[in-house]
Amino acid sequence: MQSFLAESIIGPYWFFYSIIALYLCVPVLSSLVQYGSDRLLLYLIGLVIFFKSVLPLAAVIFGQSMPFLNSLPLGGGYLQYFLLGWYIANHELSGKKRKWIYLLGIGMLALEIALTLGLSYQTPRLPYYNYSLGYIKNFYDIANFPELCVVVALFTWLKQSEEKIRSWNFKDQLPKPTGITFGIYLLHPFVIFYLLPFLQSWLGTSPVGVRCLAYPIVIYLVSALLTIILRKIPGAKYVLP
């Protein structure tokens, strides 16, 4: 509990704070959706995107600290996905709007991949949002504007493709792998900690491309296997839901 409150909990568990904040905001957001207008909802979405998605990226690009970045604390940067997901699910978008959403999403995906890879190789460090291993995550971070465009395009495509997805033959098998996803997420930091030294000694001299593919696949499969095994222990489902 002390580690959780002091924010020294295991790194990948950071999202607990965002989820708790969003859950605490749900009564307010529900009232807004139920009694407010679409115009008011779009205003809030625009406000959150500006403070939590656009400004942090602008701070990195211009190399300036912006002390008012956290002046909109309601739900954190992931509130924008919460609101946009509801809006897309409950509103019909015209074909023209969907086209622009897809084009923007594809363009931003190409941009963030190019900038992330390019800057990671050319620049050892950039301020603010560098990943601990030295990779630049300013442009692919989930809360920043380029990734927001990609996710909104994906949300829109999934809604438009719902009937087609329902007709896929393997849809009945999806609950099986997706049911262990959270357990994999909870276990993977420990698997990385204990397994990565062996992987590095085994594949350390391999090309970067081989390691980029092999490491995550092995980590994922081992984490999945451990999740399945540990869930067989009585009471473990409460720890690995």
C-alpha atoms as a PDB file:
ATOM      1  CA  MET A   1       0.000   0.000   0.000  1.00  0.00           C
ATOM      2  CA  GLN A   2       2.862   2.362   0.828  1.00  0.00           C
ATOM      3  CA  SER A   3       4.441   1.694  -2.585  1.00  0.00           C
ATOM      4  CA  PHE A   4       1.118   2.301  -4.309  1.00  0.00           C
ATOM      5  CA  LEU A   5       0.469   5.589  -2.532  1.00  0.00           C
ATOM      6  CA  ALA A   6       4.055   6.752  -3.033  1.00  0.00           C
ATOM      7  CA  GLU A   7       3.924   5.868  -6.754  1.00  0.00           C
ATOM      8  CA  SER A   8       6.867   3.510  -6.415  1.00  0.00           C
ATOM      9  CA  ILE A   9       4.780   0.556  -7.537  1.00  0.00           C
ATOM     10  CA  ILE A  10       6.101  -1.626 -10.392  1.00  0.00           C
ATOM     11  CA  GLY A  11       6.457   0.589 -13.467  1.00  0.00           C
ATOM     12  CA  PRO A  12       3.970  -1.090 -15.848  1.00  0.00           C
ATOM     13  CA  TYR A  13       1.258  -0.808 -13.192  1.00  0.00           C
ATOM     14  CA  TRP A  14       1.128   2.960 -13.770  1.00  0.00           C
ATOM     15  CA  PHE A  15      -2.253   2.634 -15.478  1.00  0.00           C
ATOM     16  CA  PHE A  16      -3.946   1.801 -12.146  1.00  0.00           C
ATOM     17  CA  TYR A  17      -3.770   5.487 -11.255  1.00  0.00           C
ATOM     18  CA  SER A  18      -5.435   6.517 -14.513  1.00  0.00           C
ATOM     19  CA  ILE A  19      -8.155   3.880 -14.176  1.00  0.00           C
ATOM     20  CA  ILE A  20      -8.935   4.874 -10.591  1.00  0.00           C
ATOM     21  CA  ALA A  21      -9.167   8.532 -11.641  1.00  0.00           C
ATOM     22  CA  LEU A  22     -11.527   7.643 -14.506  1.00  0.00           C
ATOM     23  CA  TYR A  23     -13.755   5.519 -12.274  1.00  0.00           C
ATOM     24  CA  LEU A  24     -14.015   8.380  -9.781  1.00  0.00           C
ATOM     25  CA  CYS A  25     -15.034  10.680 -12.644  1.00  0.00           C
ATOM     26  CA  VAL A  26     -17.744   8.376 -14.010  1.00  0.00           C
ATOM     27  CA  PRO A  27     -20.648   9.910 -11.967  1.00  0.00           C
ATOM     28  CA  VAL A  28     -19.777  13.364 -13.300  1.00  0.00           C
ATOM     29  CA  LEU A  29     -19.261  12.118 -16.863  1.00  0.00           C
ATOM     30  CA  SER A  30     -22.499  10.101 -16.786  1.00  0.00           C
ATOM     31  CA  SER A  31     -24.459  13.197 -15.781  1.00  0.00           C
ATOM     32  CA  LEU A  32     -22.771  15.173 -18.525  1.00  0.00           C
ATOM     33  CA  VAL A  33     -23.690  12.564 -21.133  1.00  0.00           C
ATOM     34  CA  GLN A  34     -27.242  12.145 -19.846  1.00  0.00           C
ATOM     35  CA  TYR A  35     -28.213  15.775 -19.273  1.00  0.00           C
ATOM     36  CA  GLY A  36     -25.688  17.765 -21.321  1.00  0.00           C
ATOM     37  CA  SER A  37     -25.698  18.575 -24.998  1.00  0.00           C
ATOM     38  CA  ASP A  38     -23.451  17.195 -27.728  1.00  0.00           C
ATOM     39  CA  ARG A  39     -21.960  20.658 -28.035  1.00  0.00           C
ATOM     40  CA  LEU A  40     -20.947  20.644 -24.377  1.00  0.00           C
ATOM     41  CA  LEU A  41     -19.482  17.149 -24.700  1.00  0.00           C
ATOM     42  CA  LEU A  42     -17.452  18.134 -27.773  1.00  0.00           C
ATOM     43  CA  TYR A  43     -16.188  21.190 -25.887  1.00  0.00           C
ATOM     44  CA  LEU A  44     -14.941  18.977 -23.044  1.00  0.00           C
ATOM     45  CA  ILE A  45     -13.341  16.535 -25.520  1.00  0.00           C
ATOM     46  CA  GLY A  46     -11.562  19.417 -27.249  1.00  0.00           C
ATOM     47  CA  LEU A  47     -10.414  20.835 -23.911  1.00  0.00           C
ATOM     48  CA  VAL A  48      -8.967  17.506 -22.755  1.00  0.00           C
ATOM     49  CA  ILE A  49      -7.221  16.883 -26.092  1.00  0.00           C
ATOM     50  CA  PHE A  50      -5.666  20.344 -26.019  1.00  0.00           C
ATOM     51  CA  PHE A  51      -4.323  20.085 -22.456  1.00  0.00           C
ATOM     52  CA  LYS A  52      -3.418  16.402 -22.371  1.00  0.00           C
ATOM     53  CA  SER A  53      -2.490  15.566 -25.953  1.00  0.00           C
ATOM     54  CA  VAL A  54      -1.410  18.677 -27.849  1.00  0.00           C
ATOM     55  CA  LEU A  55       0.368  20.753 -25.189  1.00  0.00           C
ATOM     56  CA  PRO A  56       2.713  17.974 -23.931  1.00  0.00           C
ATOM     57  CA  LEU A  57       3.885  17.353 -27.491  1.00  0.00           C
ATOM     58  CA  ALA A  58       4.302  21.077 -28.111  1.00  0.00           C
ATOM     59  CA  ALA A  59       6.415  21.311 -24.950  1.00  0.00           C
ATOM     60  CA  VAL A  60       8.759  18.654 -26.343  1.00  0.00           C
ATOM     61  CA  ILE A  61       8.947  20.150 -29.838  1.00  0.00           C
ATOM     62  CA  PHE A  62       9.754  23.657 -28.567  1.00  0.00           C
ATOM     63  CA  GLY A  63      11.844  22.454 -25.621  1.00  0.00           C
ATOM     64  CA  GLN A  64       9.870  24.516 -23.141  1.00  0.00           C
ATOM     65  CA  SER A  65       8.418  23.531 -19.791  1.00  0.00           C
ATOM     66  CA  MET A  66       4.705  24.306 -19.497  1.00  0.00           C
ATOM     67  CA  PRO A  67       3.649  24.415 -15.831  1.00  0.00           C
ATOM     68  CA  PHE A  68      -0.069  24.430 -16.726  1.00  0.00           C
ATOM     69  CA  LEU A  69       0.062  21.005 -18.424  1.00  0.00           C
ATOM     70  CA  ASN A  70      -1.609  19.404 -15.403  1.00  0.00           C
ATOM     71  CA  SER A  71      -4.137  22.169 -14.860  1.00  0.00           C
ATOM     72  CA  LEU A  72      -6.896  19.861 -16.143  1.00  0.00           C
ATOM     73  CA  PRO A  73      -6.544  16.905 -13.755  1.00  0.00           C
ATOM     74  CA  LEU A  74     -10.002  15.355 -14.276  1.00  0.00           C
ATOM     75  CA  GLY A  75      -9.250  11.758 -15.220  1.00  0.00           C
ATOM     76  CA  GLY A  76      -5.810  12.476 -16.667  1.00  0.00           C
ATOM     77  CA  GLY A  77      -4.818  12.245 -20.319  1.00  0.00           C
ATOM     78  CA  TYR A  78      -6.781   9.056 -20.914  1.00  0.00           C
ATOM     79  CA  LEU A  79     -10.081  10.834 -20.311  1.00  0.00           C
ATOM     80  CA  GLN A  80     -10.024  11.776 -24.000  1.00  0.00           C
ATOM     81  CA  TYR A  81     -10.312   8.109 -25.005  1.00  0.00           C
ATOM     82  CA  PHE A  82     -13.092   7.541 -22.500  1.00  0.00           C
ATOM     83  CA  LEU A  83     -15.148  10.403 -23.970  1.00  0.00           C
ATOM     84  CA  LEU A  84     -14.246   9.846 -27.628  1.00  0.00           C
ATOM     85  CA  GLY A  85     -15.052   6.145 -27.371  1.00  0.00           C
ATOM     86  CA  TRP A  86     -18.530   6.940 -26.072  1.00  0.00           C
ATOM     87  CA  TYR A  87     -19.073   9.638 -28.693  1.00  0.00           C
ATOM     88  CA  ILE A  88     -18.044   7.440 -31.613  1.00  0.00           C
ATOM     89  CA  ALA A  89     -20.134   4.524 -30.330  1.00  0.00           C
ATOM     90  CA  ASN A  90     -23.274   6.657 -29.994  1.00  0.00           C
ATOM     91  CA  HIS A  91     -23.060   8.955 -33.015  1.00  0.00           C
ATOM     92  CA  GLU A  92     -23.164   8.212 -36.711  1.00  0.00           C
ATOM     93  CA  LEU A  93     -20.327   9.827 -38.629  1.00  0.00           C
ATOM     94  CA  SER A  94     -20.748  10.752 -42.271  1.00  0.00           C
ATOM     95  CA  GLY A  95     -18.661   9.030 -44.932  1.00  0.00           C
ATOM     96  CA  LYS A  96     -16.680  12.226 -45.480  1.00  0.00           C
ATOM     97  CA  LYS A  97     -15.817  12.537 -41.781  1.00  0.00           C
ATOM     98  CA  ARG A  98     -14.780   8.886 -41.597  1.00  0.00           C
ATOM     99  CA  LYS A  99     -12.549   9.356 -44.641  1.00  0.00           C
ATOM    100  CA  TRP A 100     -10.728  12.267 -43.010  1.00  0.00           C
ATOM    101  CA  ILE A 101     -10.398  10.342 -39.749  1.00  0.00           C
ATOM    102  CA  TYR A 102      -8.817   7.381 -41.567  1.00  0.00           C
ATOM    103  CA  LEU A 103      -6.462   9.602 -43.575  1.00  0.00           C
ATOM    104  CA  LEU A 104      -5.381  11.471 -40.460  1.00  0.00           C
ATOM    105  CA  GLY A 105      -4.897   8.224 -38.538  1.00  0.00           C
ATOM    106  CA  ILE A 106      -2.766   6.640 -41.278  1.00  0.00           C
ATOM    107  CA  GLY A 107      -0.734   9.828 -41.695  1.00  0.00           C
ATOM    108  CA  MET A 108      -0.093  10.177 -37.969  1.00  0.00           C
ATOM    109  CA  LEU A 109       0.851   6.489 -37.702  1.00  0.00           C
ATOM    110  CA  ALA A 110       3.466   6.880 -40.434  1.00  0.00           C
ATOM    111  CA  LEU A 111       4.715  10.112 -38.868  1.00  0.00           C
ATOM    112  CA  GLU A 112       5.090   8.739 -35.345  1.00  0.00           C
ATOM    113  CA  ILE A 113       6.876   5.592 -36.545  1.00  0.00           C
ATOM    114  CA  ALA A 114       9.298   7.610 -38.674  1.00  0.00           C
ATOM    115  CA  LEU A 115      10.013  10.202 -35.985  1.00  0.00           C
ATOM    116  CA  THR A 116      10.289   7.644 -33.197  1.00  0.00           C
ATOM    117  CA  LEU A 117      12.777   5.472 -35.072  1.00  0.00           C
ATOM    118  CA  GLY A 118      14.669   8.383 -36.578  1.00  0.00           C
ATOM    119  CA  LEU A 119      15.119  10.320 -33.357  1.00  0.00           C
ATOM    120  CA  SER A 120      15.887   7.193 -31.352  1.00  0.00           C
ATOM    121  CA  TYR A 121      18.881   6.482 -33.595  1.00  0.00           C
ATOM    122  CA  GLN A 122      20.032  10.076 -34.039  1.00  0.00           C
ATOM    123  CA  THR A 123      19.419  11.684 -30.654  1.00  0.00           C
ATOM    124  CA  PRO A 124      20.492  10.003 -27.393  1.00  0.00           C
ATOM    125  CA  ARG A 125      18.136  12.027 -25.222  1.00  0.00           C
ATOM    126  CA  LEU A 126      15.244  14.455 -25.570  1.00  0.00           C
ATOM    127  CA  PRO A 127      13.622  16.242 -22.630  1.00  0.00           C
ATOM    128  CA  TYR A 128      10.430  15.230 -20.831  1.00  0.00           C
ATOM    129  CA  TYR A 129       9.122  11.990 -22.328  1.00  0.00           C
ATOM    130  CA  ASN A 130      12.149   9.803 -23.014  1.00  0.00           C
ATOM    131  CA  TYR A 131      11.737   6.117 -22.312  1.00  0.00           C
ATOM    132  CA  SER A 132      14.135   4.705 -19.728  1.00  0.00           C
ATOM    133  CA  LEU A 133      16.039   2.646 -22.330  1.00  0.00           C
ATOM    134  CA  GLY A 134      16.739   5.720 -24.432  1.00  0.00           C
ATOM    135  CA  TYR A 135      14.057   5.273 -27.070  1.00  0.00           C
ATOM    136  CA  ILE A 136      12.161   8.402 -27.958  1.00  0.00           C
ATOM    137  CA  LYS A 137       8.505   7.986 -27.062  1.00  0.00           C
ATOM    138  CA  ASN A 138       7.435  11.601 -27.543  1.00  0.00           C
ATOM    139  CA  PHE A 139       5.543  10.773 -30.723  1.00  0.00           C
ATOM    140  CA  TYR A 140       4.111   7.330 -30.061  1.00  0.00           C
ATOM    141  CA  ASP A 141       3.086   7.825 -26.434  1.00  0.00           C
ATOM    142  CA  ILE A 142      -0.554   6.803 -26.065  1.00  0.00           C
ATOM    143  CA  ALA A 143      -1.610  10.167 -24.611  1.00  0.00           C
ATOM    144  CA  ASN A 144      -0.061  12.340 -27.336  1.00  0.00           C
ATOM    145  CA  PHE A 145      -1.806  13.698 -30.398  1.00  0.00           C
ATOM    146  CA  PRO A 146      -0.372  11.404 -33.134  1.00  0.00           C
ATOM    147  CA  GLU A 147      -1.399   8.256 -31.276  1.00  0.00           C
ATOM    148  CA  LEU A 148      -4.776   9.782 -30.415  1.00  0.00           C
ATOM    149  CA  CYS A 149      -5.496  10.135 -34.148  1.00  0.00           C
ATOM    150  CA  VAL A 150      -4.507   6.505 -34.743  1.00  0.00           C
ATOM    151  CA  VAL A 151      -6.743   5.198 -31.948  1.00  0.00           C
ATOM    152  CA  VAL A 152      -9.728   7.311 -33.032  1.00  0.00           C
ATOM    153  CA  ALA A 153      -9.355   5.918 -36.558  1.00  0.00           C
ATOM    154  CA  LEU A 154      -9.250   2.394 -35.111  1.00  0.00           C
ATOM    155  CA  PHE A 155     -12.343   3.056 -32.956  1.00  0.00           C
ATOM    156  CA  THR A 156     -14.197   4.336 -36.014  1.00  0.00           C
ATOM    157  CA  TRP A 157     -13.174   1.395 -38.210  1.00  0.00           C
ATOM    158  CA  LEU A 158     -14.197  -1.140 -35.560  1.00  0.00           C
ATOM    159  CA  LYS A 159     -17.631   0.446 -35.219  1.00  0.00           C
ATOM    160  CA  GLN A 160     -18.190   0.469 -38.990  1.00  0.00           C
ATOM    161  CA  SER A 161     -16.930  -3.123 -39.282  1.00  0.00           C
ATOM    162  CA  GLU A 162     -18.920  -4.532 -36.363  1.00  0.00           C
ATOM    163  CA  GLU A 163     -21.290  -6.629 -38.463  1.00  0.00           C
ATOM    164  CA  LYS A 164     -18.448  -8.040 -40.550  1.00  0.00           C
ATOM    165  CA  ILE A 165     -16.414  -8.874 -37.426  1.00  0.00           C
ATOM    166  CA  ARG A 166     -19.410 -10.660 -35.911  1.00  0.00           C
ATOM    167  CA  SER A 167     -19.539 -12.938 -38.953  1.00  0.00           C
ATOM    168  CA  TRP A 168     -15.911 -14.063 -38.665  1.00  0.00           C
ATOM    169  CA  ASN A 169     -15.579 -17.754 -37.892  1.00  0.00           C
ATOM    170  CA  PHE A 170     -13.001 -17.317 -35.146  1.00  0.00           C
ATOM    171  CA  LYS A 171     -15.004 -14.797 -33.103  1.00  0.00           C
ATOM    172  CA  ASP A 172     -16.116 -17.547 -30.701  1.00  0.00           C
ATOM    173  CA  GLN A 173     -12.470 -18.330 -29.958  1.00  0.00           C
ATOM    174  CA  LEU A 174     -11.511 -14.751 -29.091  1.00  0.00           C
ATOM    175  CA  PRO A 175     -12.599 -14.924 -25.412  1.00  0.00           C
ATOM    176  CA  LYS A 176      -9.999 -17.627 -24.741  1.00  0.00           C
ATOM    177  CA  PRO A 177      -6.824 -15.629 -25.527  1.00  0.00           C
ATOM    178  CA  THR A 178      -8.322 -12.298 -24.471  1.00  0.00           C
ATOM    179  CA  GLY A 179      -9.324 -13.785 -21.113  1.00  0.00           C
ATOM    180  CA  ILE A 180      -5.699 -14.082 -20.036  1.00  0.00           C
ATOM    181  CA  THR A 181      -4.562 -10.693 -21.349  1.00  0.00           C
ATOM    182  CA  PHE A 182      -4.717  -8.921 -17.984  1.00  0.00           C
ATOM    183  CA  GLY A 183      -2.842 -11.756 -16.283  1.00  0.00           C
ATOM    184  CA  ILE A 184      -0.126 -11.517 -18.935  1.00  0.00           C
ATOM    185  CA  TYR A 185       0.152  -7.790 -18.321  1.00  0.00           C
ATOM    186  CA  LEU A 186       0.482  -8.258 -14.574  1.00  0.00           C
ATOM    187  CA  LEU A 187       3.147 -10.959 -14.884  1.00  0.00           C
ATOM    188  CA  HIS A 188       5.254  -9.705 -17.771  1.00  0.00           C
ATOM    189  CA  PRO A 189       7.439  -7.294 -15.682  1.00  0.00           C
ATOM    190  CA  PHE A 190       8.617 -10.245 -13.562  1.00  0.00           C
ATOM    191  CA  VAL A 191       9.135 -12.440 -16.625  1.00  0.00           C
ATOM    192  CA  ILE A 192      11.227  -9.707 -18.236  1.00  0.00           C
ATOM    193  CA  PHE A 193      13.299  -9.243 -15.080  1.00  0.00           C
ATOM    194  CA  TYR A 194      14.188 -12.926 -14.738  1.00  0.00           C
ATOM    195  CA  LEU A 195      14.163 -14.029 -18.377  1.00  0.00           C
ATOM    196  CA  LEU A 196      15.763 -11.105 -20.191  1.00  0.00           C
ATOM    197  CA  PRO A 197      19.352 -11.870 -19.031  1.00  0.00           C
ATOM    198  CA  PHE A 198      19.048 -15.368 -20.540  1.00  0.00           C
ATOM    199  CA  LEU A 199      17.603 -13.989 -23.768  1.00  0.00           C
ATOM    200  CA  GLN A 200      20.403 -11.441 -23.998  1.00  0.00           C
ATOM    201  CA  SER A 201      23.058 -14.092 -23.489  1.00  0.00           C
ATOM    202  CA  TRP A 202      21.359 -16.267 -26.111  1.00  0.00           C
ATOM    203  CA  LEU A 203      20.463 -13.647 -28.731  1.00  0.00           C
ATOM    204  CA  GLY A 204      22.636 -10.728 -27.664  1.00  0.00           C
ATOM    205  CA  THR A 205      24.740 -10.852 -30.830  1.00  0.00           C
ATOM    206  CA  SER A 206      21.789 -11.288 -33.175  1.00  0.00           C
ATOM    207  CA  PRO A 207      20.658  -8.436 -35.472  1.00  0.00           C
ATOM    208  CA  VAL A 208      18.456  -5.795 -33.871  1.00  0.00           C
ATOM    209  CA  GLY A 209      15.486  -6.861 -35.986  1.00  0.00           C
ATOM    210  CA  VAL A 210      15.689 -10.438 -34.734  1.00  0.00           C
ATOM    211  CA  ARG A 211      15.851  -9.319 -31.113  1.00  0.00           C
ATOM    212  CA  CYS A 212      12.956  -6.874 -31.564  1.00  0.00           C
ATOM    213  CA  LEU A 213      10.785  -9.753 -32.771  1.00  0.00           C
ATOM    214  CA  ALA A 214      12.073 -12.562 -30.559  1.00  0.00           C
ATOM    215  CA  TYR A 215      12.105 -10.823 -27.169  1.00  0.00           C
ATOM    216  CA  PRO A 216       8.421  -9.752 -27.065  1.00  0.00           C
ATOM    217  CA  ILE A 217       7.179 -13.051 -28.533  1.00  0.00           C
ATOM    218  CA  VAL A 218       9.070 -15.141 -25.957  1.00  0.00           C
ATOM    219  CA  ILE A 219       8.079 -12.827 -23.093  1.00  0.00           C
ATOM    220  CA  TYR A 220       4.436 -12.963 -24.167  1.00  0.00           C
ATOM    221  CA  LEU A 221       4.297 -16.753 -24.512  1.00  0.00           C
ATOM    222  CA  VAL A 222       6.028 -17.366 -21.171  1.00  0.00           C
ATOM    223  CA  SER A 223       3.750 -14.857 -19.430  1.00  0.00           C
ATOM    224  CA  ALA A 224       0.696 -16.509 -20.984  1.00  0.00           C
ATOM    225  CA  LEU A 225       1.825 -19.963 -19.896  1.00  0.00           C
ATOM    226  CA  LEU A 226       2.468 -18.762 -16.332  1.00  0.00           C
ATOM    227  CA  THR A 227      -0.943 -17.079 -16.230  1.00  0.00           C
ATOM    228  CA  ILE A 228      -2.689 -20.306 -17.253  1.00  0.00           C
ATOM    229  CA  ILE A 229      -0.708 -22.375 -14.729  1.00  0.00           C
ATOM    230  CA  LEU A 230      -1.079 -19.961 -11.808  1.00  0.00           C
ATOM    231  CA  ARG A 231      -4.835 -19.637 -12.372  1.00  0.00           C
ATOM    232  CA  LYS A 232      -5.196 -23.302 -11.530  1.00  0.00           C
ATOM    233  CA  ILE A 233      -4.155 -22.517  -7.952  1.00  0.00           C
ATOM    234  CA  PRO A 234      -7.231 -22.065  -5.700  1.00  0.00           C
ATOM    235  CA  GLY A 235      -7.925 -18.370  -5.144  1.00  0.00           C
ATOM    236  CA  ALA A 236      -5.417 -17.241  -7.772  1.00  0.00           C
ATOM    237  CA  LYS A 237      -8.198 -15.899  -9.991  1.00  0.00           C
ATOM    238  CA  TYR A 238      -8.611 -13.034  -7.529  1.00  0.00           C
ATOM    239  CA  VAL A 239      -4.963 -12.049  -8.057  1.00  0.00           C
ATOM    240  CA  LEU A 240      -4.869 -12.813 -11.806  1.00  0.00           C
ATOM    241  CA  PRO A 241      -8.400 -11.937 -12.953  1.00  0.00           C
END
